[in-house]
């Protein structure tokens, strides 16, 4: 059972990484305030010594990845219960 559950979660994580990277530029075109908020969060995390890049592309990727991960979690929860 853990292999099937782990495989679906692993696929979801990999897919959100790829999709997030591809669609990161659209965050800045469609929802610039959300991109700015994400960039602010990244810069705040950097102040604590975490070595993450503070670029618009990375911040946009995070927005898409978090959104897709949340959606994946909701779909998984609804499917399981």
C-alpha atoms as a PDB file:
ATOM      1  CA  UNK A   1       0.000   0.000   0.000  1.00  0.00           C
ATOM      2  CA  UNK A   2       2.729   2.583   0.768  1.00  0.00           C
ATOM      3  CA  UNK A   3       4.215   2.096  -2.700  1.00  0.00           C
ATOM      4  CA  UNK A   4       0.995   3.097  -4.449  1.00  0.00           C
ATOM      5  CA  UNK A   5       0.305   6.012  -2.126  1.00  0.00           C
ATOM      6  CA  UNK A   6       3.908   7.182  -2.271  1.00  0.00           C
ATOM      7  CA  UNK A   7       3.986   6.886  -6.045  1.00  0.00           C
ATOM      8  CA  UNK A   8       0.919   9.094  -6.477  1.00  0.00           C
ATOM      9  CA  UNK A   9       2.325  11.712  -4.117  1.00  0.00           C
ATOM     10  CA  UNK A  10       5.711  11.568  -5.800  1.00  0.00           C
ATOM     11  CA  UNK A  11       4.129  12.004  -9.215  1.00  0.00           C
ATOM     12  CA  UNK A  12       2.063  14.927  -7.924  1.00  0.00           C
ATOM     13  CA  UNK A  13       5.157  16.631  -6.500  1.00  0.00           C
ATOM     14  CA  UNK A  14       7.103  16.172  -9.730  1.00  0.00           C
ATOM     15  CA  UNK A  15       4.172  17.359 -11.847  1.00  0.00           C
ATOM     16  CA  UNK A  16       3.676  20.494  -9.732  1.00  0.00           C
ATOM     17  CA  UNK A  17       7.379  21.287 -10.080  1.00  0.00           C
ATOM     18  CA  UNK A  18       7.266  20.999 -13.868  1.00  0.00           C
ATOM     19  CA  UNK A  19       3.946  22.795 -14.284  1.00  0.00           C
ATOM     20  CA  UNK A  20       4.944  25.490 -11.811  1.00  0.00           C
ATOM     21  CA  UNK A  21       8.128  26.200 -13.740  1.00  0.00           C
ATOM     22  CA  UNK A  22       6.294  26.353 -17.063  1.00  0.00           C
ATOM     23  CA  UNK A  23       3.501  28.652 -15.865  1.00  0.00           C
ATOM     24  CA  UNK A  24       5.423  30.913 -13.481  1.00  0.00           C
ATOM     25  CA  UNK A  25       5.475  33.817 -15.931  1.00  0.00           C
ATOM     26  CA  UNK A  26       1.677  33.824 -16.167  1.00  0.00           C
ATOM     27  CA  UNK A  27       1.418  34.605 -12.453  1.00  0.00           C
ATOM     28  CA  UNK A  28       3.001  37.994 -13.141  1.00  0.00           C
ATOM     29  CA  UNK A  29       0.712  38.650 -16.112  1.00  0.00           C
ATOM     30  CA  UNK A  30      -2.576  37.481 -14.572  1.00  0.00           C
ATOM     31  CA  UNK A  31      -2.180  38.008 -10.799  1.00  0.00           C
ATOM     32  CA  UNK A  32       0.697  40.430 -10.125  1.00  0.00           C
ATOM     33  CA  UNK A  33      -0.322  41.067  -6.469  1.00  0.00           C
ATOM     34  CA  UNK A  34      -0.067  37.336  -5.760  1.00  0.00           C
ATOM     35  CA  UNK A  35       3.369  37.281  -7.359  1.00  0.00           C
ATOM     36  CA  UNK A  36       4.471  40.257  -5.266  1.00  0.00           C
ATOM     37  CA  UNK A  37       3.201  38.545  -2.117  1.00  0.00           C
ATOM     38  CA  UNK A  38       5.130  35.412  -3.004  1.00  0.00           C
ATOM     39  CA  UNK A  39       8.276  37.459  -3.650  1.00  0.00           C
ATOM     40  CA  UNK A  40       7.832  39.139  -0.255  1.00  0.00           C
ATOM     41  CA  UNK A  41       7.544  35.721   1.418  1.00  0.00           C
ATOM     42  CA  UNK A  42      10.690  34.500  -0.368  1.00  0.00           C
ATOM     43  CA  UNK A  43      12.634  37.591   0.697  1.00  0.00           C
ATOM     44  CA  UNK A  44      11.419  37.168   4.284  1.00  0.00           C
ATOM     45  CA  UNK A  45      12.538  33.520   4.301  1.00  0.00           C
ATOM     46  CA  UNK A  46      15.945  34.606   2.955  1.00  0.00           C
ATOM     47  CA  UNK A  47      16.374  36.904   5.970  1.00  0.00           C
ATOM     48  CA  UNK A  48      16.364  33.788   8.179  1.00  0.00           C
ATOM     49  CA  UNK A  49      19.381  32.427   6.299  1.00  0.00           C
ATOM     50  CA  UNK A  50      17.583  29.994   3.994  1.00  0.00           C
ATOM     51  CA  UNK A  51      19.357  29.960   0.632  1.00  0.00           C
ATOM     52  CA  UNK A  52      16.503  30.308  -1.848  1.00  0.00           C
ATOM     53  CA  UNK A  53      16.646  32.484  -4.949  1.00  0.00           C
ATOM     54  CA  UNK A  54      14.704  35.740  -4.738  1.00  0.00           C
ATOM     55  CA  UNK A  55      13.673  36.044  -8.362  1.00  0.00           C
ATOM     56  CA  UNK A  56      10.341  36.720 -10.006  1.00  0.00           C
ATOM     57  CA  UNK A  57      10.454  33.346 -11.778  1.00  0.00           C
ATOM     58  CA  UNK A  58      11.042  31.418  -8.551  1.00  0.00           C
ATOM     59  CA  UNK A  59       8.307  33.345  -6.729  1.00  0.00           C
ATOM     60  CA  UNK A  60       5.874  32.662  -9.583  1.00  0.00           C
ATOM     61  CA  UNK A  61       6.808  28.996  -9.563  1.00  0.00           C
ATOM     62  CA  UNK A  62       6.048  28.826  -5.840  1.00  0.00           C
ATOM     63  CA  UNK A  63       2.597  30.343  -6.360  1.00  0.00           C
ATOM     64  CA  UNK A  64       1.698  27.754  -9.002  1.00  0.00           C
ATOM     65  CA  UNK A  65       3.200  24.876  -7.005  1.00  0.00           C
ATOM     66  CA  UNK A  66       1.371  25.779  -3.800  1.00  0.00           C
ATOM     67  CA  UNK A  67      -1.899  26.194  -5.676  1.00  0.00           C
ATOM     68  CA  UNK A  68      -1.552  22.863  -7.471  1.00  0.00           C
ATOM     69  CA  UNK A  69      -0.462  21.086  -4.284  1.00  0.00           C
ATOM     70  CA  UNK A  70      -3.512  22.408  -2.470  1.00  0.00           C
ATOM     71  CA  UNK A  71      -5.765  21.308  -5.330  1.00  0.00           C
ATOM     72  CA  UNK A  72      -4.097  17.880  -5.389  1.00  0.00           C
ATOM     73  CA  UNK A  73      -4.664  17.548  -1.618  1.00  0.00           C
ATOM     74  CA  UNK A  74      -8.352  18.418  -1.939  1.00  0.00           C
ATOM     75  CA  UNK A  75      -8.870  15.968  -4.813  1.00  0.00           C
ATOM     76  CA  UNK A  76      -6.970  13.254  -2.943  1.00  0.00           C
ATOM     77  CA  UNK A  77      -8.983  13.833   0.241  1.00  0.00           C
ATOM     78  CA  UNK A  78     -12.323  13.807  -1.603  1.00  0.00           C
ATOM     79  CA  UNK A  79     -11.284  10.658  -3.467  1.00  0.00           C
ATOM     80  CA  UNK A  80     -10.259   8.860  -0.274  1.00  0.00           C
ATOM     81  CA  UNK A  81     -13.279   9.853   1.819  1.00  0.00           C
END
